[in-house]
Amino acid sequence: MLFSMLKEAIPRFAELSSSEKLLLLEELWDNLADYPSEVPVPDWQKRELERRYQEFLQNPSEGSPWPEARERLRRLFQ
């Protein structure tokens, strides 16, 4: 069903290169990010976020600030 919806919405999808499909995916994510209240969050994900938040509260010095973590990831995957 999903693929038939995709073919209907984007008739040339199968003809796109992998790079073009990734660009399309990026555009879809960006569009979803414009309307976060419309994106459903499953209960299991809410529970996981709460678990991680509680873990952070118990050990706030264990984690890394986002800029540091991002830089580590960039170096790792260059």
PDB file of N, CA and C in Angstrom:
ATOM      1  N   MET A   1       0.822  -1.195   0.000  1.00  0.00           N
ATOM      2  CA  MET A   1       0.000   0.000   0.000  1.00  0.00           C
ATOM      3  C   MET A   1       0.864   1.255   0.000  1.00  0.00           C
ATOM      4  N   LEU A   2       1.906   1.275   0.842  1.00  0.00           N
ATOM      5  CA  LEU A   2       2.748   2.455   0.925  1.00  0.00           C
ATOM      6  C   LEU A   2       3.393   2.752  -0.418  1.00  0.00           C
ATOM      7  N   PHE A   3       3.928   1.709  -1.070  1.00  0.00           N
ATOM      8  CA  PHE A   3       4.579   1.953  -2.348  1.00  0.00           C
ATOM      9  C   PHE A   3       3.587   2.454  -3.385  1.00  0.00           C
ATOM     10  N   SER A   4       2.336   1.955  -3.361  1.00  0.00           N
ATOM     11  CA  SER A   4       1.351   2.445  -4.330  1.00  0.00           C
ATOM     12  C   SER A   4       1.030   3.916  -4.050  1.00  0.00           C
ATOM     13  N   MET A   5       1.003   4.329  -2.781  1.00  0.00           N
ATOM     14  CA  MET A   5       0.778   5.733  -2.448  1.00  0.00           C
ATOM     15  C   MET A   5       1.958   6.565  -2.953  1.00  0.00           C
ATOM     16  N   LEU A   6       3.153   6.029  -2.798  1.00  0.00           N
ATOM     17  CA  LEU A   6       4.356   6.715  -3.256  1.00  0.00           C
ATOM     18  C   LEU A   6       4.325   6.871  -4.774  1.00  0.00           C
ATOM     19  N   LYS A   7       3.965   5.798  -5.481  1.00  0.00           N
ATOM     20  CA  LYS A   7       3.905   5.862  -6.953  1.00  0.00           C
ATOM     21  C   LYS A   7       2.872   6.882  -7.408  1.00  0.00           C
ATOM     22  N   GLU A   8       1.772   6.982  -6.663  1.00  0.00           N
ATOM     23  CA  GLU A   8       0.737   7.939  -7.036  1.00  0.00           C
ATOM     24  C   GLU A   8       1.195   9.373  -6.764  1.00  0.00           C
ATOM     25  N   ALA A   9       1.826   9.596  -5.619  1.00  0.00           N
ATOM     26  CA  ALA A   9       2.267  10.935  -5.254  1.00  0.00           C
ATOM     27  C   ALA A   9       3.474  11.382  -6.069  1.00  0.00           C
ATOM     28  N   ILE A  10       4.362  10.435  -6.374  1.00  0.00           N
ATOM     29  CA  ILE A  10       5.591  10.746  -7.110  1.00  0.00           C
ATOM     30  C   ILE A  10       5.750   9.706  -8.206  1.00  0.00           C
ATOM     31  N   PRO A  11       5.093   9.909  -9.326  1.00  0.00           N
ATOM     32  CA  PRO A  11       5.058   8.892 -10.388  1.00  0.00           C
ATOM     33  C   PRO A  11       6.440   8.426 -10.872  1.00  0.00           C
ATOM     34  N   ARG A  12       7.437   9.305 -10.854  1.00  0.00           N
ATOM     35  CA  ARG A  12       8.765   8.951 -11.360  1.00  0.00           C
ATOM     36  C   ARG A  12       9.700   8.464 -10.252  1.00  0.00           C
ATOM     37  N   PHE A  13       9.175   8.129  -9.087  1.00  0.00           N
ATOM     38  CA  PHE A  13      10.016   7.760  -7.946  1.00  0.00           C
ATOM     39  C   PHE A  13      11.001   6.645  -8.297  1.00  0.00           C
ATOM     40  N   ALA A  14      10.545   5.612  -8.967  1.00  0.00           N
ATOM     41  CA  ALA A  14      11.412   4.473  -9.294  1.00  0.00           C
ATOM     42  C   ALA A  14      12.558   4.871 -10.224  1.00  0.00           C
ATOM     43  N   GLU A  15      12.396   5.949 -10.955  1.00  0.00           N
ATOM     44  CA  GLU A  15      13.425   6.403 -11.885  1.00  0.00           C
ATOM     45  C   GLU A  15      14.478   7.284 -11.223  1.00  0.00           C
ATOM     46  N   LEU A  16      14.210   7.755 -10.007  1.00  0.00           N
ATOM     47  CA  LEU A  16      15.149   8.650  -9.335  1.00  0.00           C
ATOM     48  C   LEU A  16      16.410   7.910  -8.922  1.00  0.00           C
ATOM     49  N   SER A  17      17.518   8.613  -8.962  1.00  0.00           N
ATOM     50  CA  SER A  17      18.768   8.030  -8.481  1.00  0.00           C
ATOM     51  C   SER A  17      18.726   7.995  -6.945  1.00  0.00           C
ATOM     52  N   SER A  18      19.642   7.268  -6.365  1.00  0.00           N
ATOM     53  CA  SER A  18      19.718   7.220  -4.902  1.00  0.00           C
ATOM     54  C   SER A  18      19.937   8.608  -4.325  1.00  0.00           C
ATOM     55  N   SER A  19      20.770   9.408  -4.961  1.00  0.00           N
ATOM     56  CA  SER A  19      21.021  10.779  -4.493  1.00  0.00           C
ATOM     57  C   SER A  19      19.742  11.609  -4.532  1.00  0.00           C
ATOM     58  N   GLU A  20      18.986  11.460  -5.594  1.00  0.00           N
ATOM     59  CA  GLU A  20      17.730  12.208  -5.712  1.00  0.00           C
ATOM     60  C   GLU A  20      16.727  11.750  -4.663  1.00  0.00           C
ATOM     61  N   LYS A  21      16.683  10.451  -4.394  1.00  0.00           N
ATOM     62  CA  LYS A  21      15.775   9.938  -3.367  1.00  0.00           C
ATOM     63  C   LYS A  21      16.161  10.474  -1.995  1.00  0.00           C
ATOM     64  N   LEU A  22      17.463  10.562  -1.725  1.00  0.00           N
ATOM     65  CA  LEU A  22      17.908  11.124  -0.446  1.00  0.00           C
ATOM     66  C   LEU A  22      17.530  12.600  -0.328  1.00  0.00           C
ATOM     67  N   LEU A  23      17.661  13.344  -1.413  1.00  0.00           N
ATOM     68  CA  LEU A  23      17.247  14.749  -1.400  1.00  0.00           C
ATOM     69  C   LEU A  23      15.746  14.873  -1.157  1.00  0.00           C
ATOM     70  N   LEU A  24      14.985  13.996  -1.778  1.00  0.00           N
ATOM     71  CA  LEU A  24      13.547  13.981  -1.579  1.00  0.00           C
ATOM     72  C   LEU A  24      13.209  13.674  -0.116  1.00  0.00           C
ATOM     73  N   LEU A  25      13.901  12.699   0.439  1.00  0.00           N
ATOM     74  CA  LEU A  25      13.701  12.338   1.836  1.00  0.00           C
ATOM     75  C   LEU A  25      14.006  13.520   2.752  1.00  0.00           C
ATOM     76  N   GLU A  26      15.079  14.227   2.455  1.00  0.00           N
ATOM     77  CA  GLU A  26      15.448  15.406   3.244  1.00  0.00           C
ATOM     78  C   GLU A  26      14.343  16.463   3.187  1.00  0.00           C
ATOM     79  N   GLU A  27      13.802  16.672   1.999  1.00  0.00           N
ATOM     80  CA  GLU A  27      12.715  17.643   1.853  1.00  0.00           C
ATOM     81  C   GLU A  27      11.481  17.215   2.637  1.00  0.00           C
ATOM     82  N   LEU A  28      11.182  15.916   2.622  1.00  0.00           N
ATOM     83  CA  LEU A  28      10.032  15.421   3.389  1.00  0.00           C
ATOM     84  C   LEU A  28      10.238  15.650   4.883  1.00  0.00           C
ATOM     85  N   TRP A  29      11.441  15.323   5.400  1.00  0.00           N
ATOM     86  CA  TRP A  29      11.739  15.534   6.821  1.00  0.00           C
ATOM     87  C   TRP A  29      11.642  17.008   7.174  1.00  0.00           C
ATOM     88  N   ASP A  30      12.193  17.874   6.323  1.00  0.00           N
ATOM     89  CA  ASP A  30      12.133  19.316   6.584  1.00  0.00           C
ATOM     90  C   ASP A  30      10.691  19.791   6.644  1.00  0.00           C
ATOM     91  N   ASN A  31       9.867  19.274   5.761  1.00  0.00           N
ATOM     92  CA  ASN A  31       8.456  19.644   5.761  1.00  0.00           C
ATOM     93  C   ASN A  31       7.761  19.178   7.034  1.00  0.00           C
ATOM     94  N   LEU A  32       8.048  17.949   7.459  1.00  0.00           N
ATOM     95  CA  LEU A  32       7.468  17.458   8.706  1.00  0.00           C
ATOM     96  C   LEU A  32       7.919  18.307   9.889  1.00  0.00           C
ATOM     97  N   ALA A  33       9.170  18.734   9.877  1.00  0.00           N
ATOM     98  CA  ALA A  33       9.707  19.537  10.975  1.00  0.00           C
ATOM     99  C   ALA A  33       9.021  20.898  11.076  1.00  0.00           C
ATOM    100  N   ASP A  34       8.447  21.350   9.985  1.00  0.00           N
ATOM    101  CA  ASP A  34       7.719  22.624  10.005  1.00  0.00           C
ATOM    102  C   ASP A  34       6.419  22.529  10.796  1.00  0.00           C
ATOM    103  N   TYR A  35       5.922  21.320  11.012  1.00  0.00           N
ATOM    104  CA  TYR A  35       4.643  21.112  11.696  1.00  0.00           C
ATOM    105  C   TYR A  35       4.781  20.017  12.754  1.00  0.00           C
ATOM    106  N   PRO A  36       5.634  20.228  13.772  1.00  0.00           N
ATOM    107  CA  PRO A  36       5.913  19.160  14.745  1.00  0.00           C
ATOM    108  C   PRO A  36       4.682  18.680  15.507  1.00  0.00           C
ATOM    109  N   SER A  37       3.711  19.551  15.710  1.00  0.00           N
ATOM    110  CA  SER A  37       2.520  19.128  16.463  1.00  0.00           C
ATOM    111  C   SER A  37       1.673  18.129  15.681  1.00  0.00           C
ATOM    112  N   GLU A  38       1.904  18.034  14.377  1.00  0.00           N
ATOM    113  CA  GLU A  38       1.141  17.102  13.553  1.00  0.00           C
ATOM    114  C   GLU A  38       1.823  15.742  13.400  1.00  0.00           C
ATOM    115  N   VAL A  39       3.027  15.614  13.943  1.00  0.00           N
ATOM    116  CA  VAL A  39       3.763  14.354  13.842  1.00  0.00           C
ATOM    117  C   VAL A  39       3.461  13.517  15.083  1.00  0.00           C
ATOM    118  N   PRO A  40       2.831  12.363  14.915  1.00  0.00           N
ATOM    119  CA  PRO A  40       2.491  11.551  16.084  1.00  0.00           C
ATOM    120  C   PRO A  40       3.741  10.955  16.728  1.00  0.00           C
ATOM    121  N   VAL A  41       3.739  10.921  18.055  1.00  0.00           N
ATOM    122  CA  VAL A  41       4.836  10.300  18.799  1.00  0.00           C
ATOM    123  C   VAL A  41       4.252   9.084  19.512  1.00  0.00           C
ATOM    124  N   PRO A  42       4.721   7.887  19.164  1.00  0.00           N
ATOM    125  CA  PRO A  42       4.171   6.670  19.773  1.00  0.00           C
ATOM    126  C   PRO A  42       4.468   6.622  21.280  1.00  0.00           C
ATOM    127  N   ASP A  43       3.612   5.926  22.010  1.00  0.00           N
ATOM    128  CA  ASP A  43       3.781   5.813  23.459  1.00  0.00           C
ATOM    129  C   ASP A  43       5.131   5.223  23.836  1.00  0.00           C
ATOM    130  N   TRP A  44       5.617   4.219  23.086  1.00  0.00           N
ATOM    131  CA  TRP A  44       6.904   3.613  23.429  1.00  0.00           C
ATOM    132  C   TRP A  44       8.020   4.633  23.343  1.00  0.00           C
ATOM    133  N   GLN A  45       7.904   5.579  22.403  1.00  0.00           N
ATOM    134  CA  GLN A  45       8.945   6.588  22.247  1.00  0.00           C
ATOM    135  C   GLN A  45       8.870   7.614  23.385  1.00  0.00           C
ATOM    136  N   LYS A  46       7.664   7.951  23.795  1.00  0.00           N
ATOM    137  CA  LYS A  46       7.495   8.861  24.934  1.00  0.00           C
ATOM    138  C   LYS A  46       8.083   8.237  26.197  1.00  0.00           C
ATOM    139  N   ARG A  47       7.839   6.949  26.388  1.00  0.00           N
ATOM    140  CA  ARG A  47       8.392   6.261  27.565  1.00  0.00           C
ATOM    141  C   ARG A  47       9.915   6.252  27.521  1.00  0.00           C
ATOM    142  N   GLU A  48      10.471   6.011  26.355  1.00  0.00           N
ATOM    143  CA  GLU A  48      11.927   5.996  26.217  1.00  0.00           C
ATOM    144  C   GLU A  48      12.521   7.374  26.492  1.00  0.00           C
ATOM    145  N   LEU A  49      11.870   8.410  25.996  1.00  0.00           N
ATOM    146  CA  LEU A  49      12.347   9.765  26.261  1.00  0.00           C
ATOM    147  C   LEU A  49      12.296  10.077  27.755  1.00  0.00           C
ATOM    148  N   GLU A  50      11.235   9.681  28.403  1.00  0.00           N
ATOM    149  CA  GLU A  50      11.113   9.886  29.851  1.00  0.00           C
ATOM    150  C   GLU A  50      12.193   9.109  30.596  1.00  0.00           C
ATOM    151  N   ARG A  51      12.452   7.880  30.193  1.00  0.00           N
ATOM    152  CA  ARG A  51      13.496   7.063  30.833  1.00  0.00           C
ATOM    153  C   ARG A  51      14.856   7.738  30.709  1.00  0.00           C
ATOM    154  N   ARG A  52      15.148   8.218  29.514  1.00  0.00           N
ATOM    155  CA  ARG A  52      16.438   8.866  29.286  1.00  0.00           C
ATOM    156  C   ARG A  52      16.554  10.174  30.067  1.00  0.00           C
ATOM    157  N   TYR A  53      15.446  10.894  30.149  1.00  0.00           N
ATOM    158  CA  TYR A  53      15.450  12.144  30.907  1.00  0.00           C
ATOM    159  C   TYR A  53      15.701  11.872  32.386  1.00  0.00           C
ATOM    160  N   GLN A  54      15.050  10.863  32.937  1.00  0.00           N
ATOM    161  CA  GLN A  54      15.256  10.499  34.335  1.00  0.00           C
ATOM    162  C   GLN A  54      16.699  10.054  34.570  1.00  0.00           C
ATOM    163  N   GLU A  55      17.249   9.321  33.616  1.00  0.00           N
ATOM    164  CA  GLU A  55      18.644   8.897  33.720  1.00  0.00           C
ATOM    165  C   GLU A  55      19.575  10.110  33.726  1.00  0.00           C
ATOM    166  N   PHE A  56      19.267  11.075  32.886  1.00  0.00           N
ATOM    167  CA  PHE A  56      20.052  12.309  32.854  1.00  0.00           C
ATOM    168  C   PHE A  56      19.967  13.043  34.188  1.00  0.00           C
ATOM    169  N   LEU A  57      18.750  13.133  34.751  1.00  0.00           N
ATOM    170  CA  LEU A  57      18.589  13.830  36.027  1.00  0.00           C
ATOM    171  C   LEU A  57      19.396  13.175  37.141  1.00  0.00           C
ATOM    172  N   GLN A  58      19.527  11.859  37.088  1.00  0.00           N
ATOM    173  CA  GLN A  58      20.289  11.146  38.113  1.00  0.00           C
ATOM    174  C   GLN A  58      21.796  11.299  37.906  1.00  0.00           C
ATOM    175  N   ASN A  59      22.235  11.494  36.677  1.00  0.00           N
ATOM    176  CA  ASN A  59      23.669  11.587  36.362  1.00  0.00           C
ATOM    177  C   ASN A  59      23.918  12.694  35.335  1.00  0.00           C
ATOM    178  N   PRO A  60      23.664  13.942  35.673  1.00  0.00           N
ATOM    179  CA  PRO A  60      23.787  15.010  34.658  1.00  0.00           C
ATOM    180  C   PRO A  60      25.195  15.197  34.108  1.00  0.00           C
ATOM    181  N   SER A  61      26.208  14.780  34.837  1.00  0.00           N
ATOM    182  CA  SER A  61      27.573  14.966  34.339  1.00  0.00           C
ATOM    183  C   SER A  61      28.021  13.850  33.402  1.00  0.00           C
ATOM    184  N   GLU A  62      27.212  12.811  33.242  1.00  0.00           N
ATOM    185  CA  GLU A  62      27.564  11.668  32.390  1.00  0.00           C
ATOM    186  C   GLU A  62      27.511  11.996  30.906  1.00  0.00           C
ATOM    187  N   GLY A  63      26.631  12.883  30.512  1.00  0.00           N
ATOM    188  CA  GLY A  63      26.440  13.158  29.093  1.00  0.00           C
ATOM    189  C   GLY A  63      27.381  14.213  28.563  1.00  0.00           C
ATOM    190  N   SER A  64      27.192  14.545  27.286  1.00  0.00           N
ATOM    191  CA  SER A  64      27.978  15.577  26.623  1.00  0.00           C
ATOM    192  C   SER A  64      27.036  16.620  26.059  1.00  0.00           C
ATOM    193  N   PRO A  65      27.440  17.883  26.080  1.00  0.00           N
ATOM    194  CA  PRO A  65      26.637  18.911  25.404  1.00  0.00           C
ATOM    195  C   PRO A  65      26.547  18.587  23.910  1.00  0.00           C
ATOM    196  N   TRP A  66      25.453  18.950  23.293  1.00  0.00           N
ATOM    197  CA  TRP A  66      25.224  18.639  21.892  1.00  0.00           C
ATOM    198  C   TRP A  66      26.368  19.106  20.988  1.00  0.00           C
ATOM    199  N   PRO A  67      26.896  20.333  21.133  1.00  0.00           N
ATOM    200  CA  PRO A  67      27.991  20.726  20.230  1.00  0.00           C
ATOM    201  C   PRO A  67      29.197  19.779  20.309  1.00  0.00           C
ATOM    202  N   GLU A  68      29.537  19.310  21.516  1.00  0.00           N
ATOM    203  CA  GLU A  68      30.658  18.373  21.652  1.00  0.00           C
ATOM    204  C   GLU A  68      30.328  17.023  21.012  1.00  0.00           C
ATOM    205  N   ALA A  69      29.138  16.527  21.270  1.00  0.00           N
ATOM    206  CA  ALA A  69      28.739  15.234  20.701  1.00  0.00           C
ATOM    207  C   ALA A  69      28.697  15.307  19.182  1.00  0.00           C
ATOM    208  N   ARG A  70      28.165  16.395  18.648  1.00  0.00           N
ATOM    209  CA  ARG A  70      28.082  16.569  17.198  1.00  0.00           C
ATOM    210  C   ARG A  70      29.481  16.573  16.579  1.00  0.00           C
ATOM    211  N   GLU A  71      30.410  17.303  17.222  1.00  0.00           N
ATOM    212  CA  GLU A  71      31.775  17.364  16.695  1.00  0.00           C
ATOM    213  C   GLU A  71      32.446  15.990  16.734  1.00  0.00           C
ATOM    214  N   ARG A  72      32.230  15.233  17.809  1.00  0.00           N
ATOM    215  CA  ARG A  72      32.783  13.870  17.886  1.00  0.00           C
ATOM    216  C   ARG A  72      32.242  13.006  16.765  1.00  0.00           C
ATOM    217  N   LEU A  73      30.936  13.113  16.510  1.00  0.00           N
ATOM    218  CA  LEU A  73      30.322  12.329  15.440  1.00  0.00           C
ATOM    219  C   LEU A  73      30.854  12.752  14.075  1.00  0.00           C
ATOM    220  N   ARG A  74      31.021  14.037  13.869  1.00  0.00           N
ATOM    221  CA  ARG A  74      31.564  14.506  12.582  1.00  0.00           C
ATOM    222  C   ARG A  74      32.958  13.957  12.340  1.00  0.00           C
ATOM    223  N   ARG A  75      33.798  13.998  13.379  1.00  0.00           N
ATOM    224  CA  ARG A  75      35.162  13.466  13.228  1.00  0.00           C
ATOM    225  C   ARG A  75      35.128  11.960  12.964  1.00  0.00           C
ATOM    226  N   LEU A  76      34.232  11.278  13.648  1.00  0.00           N
ATOM    227  CA  LEU A  76      34.131   9.822  13.517  1.00  0.00           C
ATOM    228  C   LEU A  76      33.706   9.398  12.115  1.00  0.00           C
ATOM    229  N   PHE A  77      32.818  10.169  11.483  1.00  0.00           N
ATOM    230  CA  PHE A  77      32.247   9.757  10.197  1.00  0.00           C
ATOM    231  C   PHE A  77      32.771  10.554   9.002  1.00  0.00           C
ATOM    232  N   GLN A  78      33.887  11.228   9.164  1.00  0.00           N
ATOM    233  CA  GLN A  78      34.459  11.979   8.026  1.00  0.00           C
ATOM    234  C   GLN A  78      35.092  11.031   7.054  1.00  0.00           C
TER     235      GLN A  78
END
